[in-house]
Amino acid sequence: MTTTTTRPVDTMSKGVREAIVDQLRACQTTDEILKFEGWFNKEANSGPLYAVICELLLTRSISRGVAVKWLKTLMNDRETRLNK
């Protein structure tokens, strides 16, 4: 079931996908990635950032190494918040 609040990566324009990837690649620190995640999840109409990263990986728009870096950052942050 598809909702109007999220849209799969494959329906995004190539420019939108490239802009997301470019913005993530510009993030040099964990804090920058997490700040972008907060903005993206709040402002974008594309679902949570982790799901978009997974879709980008699935469609081979990003490398496994890049995806691992971003997803590991997001997962470590969630683990830290859950363990508080």
Protein backbone atom coordinates (compact mmCIF):
# COMPACT_ATOMS: atom_id res chain seq x y z
CA MET A 1 0.00 0.00 0.00
CA THR A 2 1.43 3.38 -1.01
CA THR A 3 0.53 6.55 0.84
CA THR A 4 0.76 10.13 -0.33
CA THR A 5 3.20 11.02 2.45
CA THR A 6 5.98 8.82 1.13
CA ARG A 7 7.20 8.02 -2.32
CA PRO A 8 9.72 5.40 -3.36
CA VAL A 9 13.11 6.50 -4.56
CA ASP A 10 12.47 5.09 -8.02
CA THR A 11 9.69 7.64 -8.56
CA MET A 12 11.93 10.54 -7.57
CA SER A 13 13.50 12.50 -10.36
CA LYS A 14 17.15 11.82 -11.05
CA GLY A 15 17.93 15.37 -9.89
CA VAL A 16 16.27 14.82 -6.52
CA ARG A 17 18.13 11.54 -5.96
CA GLU A 18 21.42 13.18 -6.91
CA ALA A 19 20.72 16.14 -4.59
CA ILE A 20 20.12 13.79 -1.64
CA VAL A 21 23.30 11.85 -2.38
CA ASP A 22 25.31 15.05 -2.86
CA GLN A 23 24.05 16.47 0.43
CA LEU A 24 24.92 13.28 2.31
CA ARG A 25 28.36 13.12 0.69
CA ALA A 26 28.96 16.72 1.79
CA CYS A 27 28.45 15.67 5.41
CA GLN A 28 31.90 15.19 6.91
CA THR A 29 30.97 14.40 10.51
CA THR A 30 28.45 12.26 12.35
CA ASP A 31 26.76 15.41 13.61
CA GLU A 32 26.33 16.71 10.06
CA ILE A 33 24.75 13.43 8.93
CA LEU A 34 22.40 13.42 11.92
CA LYS A 35 21.49 17.06 11.37
CA PHE A 36 20.66 16.31 7.74
CA GLU A 37 18.61 13.28 8.82
CA GLY A 38 16.60 15.45 11.20
CA TRP A 39 15.92 18.02 8.50
CA PHE A 40 15.15 15.38 5.85
CA ASN A 41 12.74 13.40 8.01
CA LYS A 42 10.93 16.58 9.01
CA GLU A 43 10.84 18.44 5.68
CA ALA A 44 11.09 15.91 2.86
CA ASN A 45 8.10 14.04 1.56
CA SER A 46 10.10 10.93 0.73
CA GLY A 47 9.89 8.80 3.84
CA PRO A 48 12.58 8.39 6.49
CA LEU A 49 16.17 8.92 5.37
CA TYR A 50 17.23 5.37 6.23
CA ALA A 51 14.58 4.01 3.85
CA VAL A 52 15.75 6.34 1.08
CA ILE A 53 19.36 5.24 1.63
CA CYS A 54 18.28 1.59 1.42
CA GLU A 55 16.40 2.25 -1.82
CA LEU A 56 19.41 4.10 -3.26
CA LEU A 57 21.53 1.08 -2.41
CA LEU A 58 18.98 -1.32 -3.88
CA THR A 59 18.89 0.62 -7.16
CA ARG A 60 22.70 0.82 -7.13
CA SER A 61 22.65 4.60 -7.04
CA ILE A 62 25.24 4.53 -4.23
CA SER A 63 28.01 2.15 -3.28
CA ARG A 64 27.79 -0.36 -0.44
CA GLY A 65 30.59 1.42 1.39
CA VAL A 66 28.82 4.77 1.28
CA ALA A 67 25.52 3.21 2.36
CA VAL A 68 27.19 1.42 5.26
CA LYS A 69 28.77 4.65 6.49
CA TRP A 70 25.47 6.53 6.47
CA LEU A 71 23.31 3.69 7.81
CA LYS A 72 25.79 2.83 10.56
CA THR A 73 25.76 6.46 11.69
CA LEU A 74 21.96 6.51 11.81
CA MET A 75 21.72 3.14 13.58
CA ASN A 76 24.38 4.01 16.16
CA ASP A 77 22.52 7.22 16.97
CA ARG A 78 19.25 5.33 17.43
CA GLU A 79 20.94 2.74 19.65
CA THR A 80 22.45 5.49 21.80
CA ARG A 81 19.06 7.19 22.21
CA LEU A 82 17.30 3.90 23.02
CA ASN A 83 19.89 2.97 25.67
CA LYS A 84 19.51 6.24 27.58
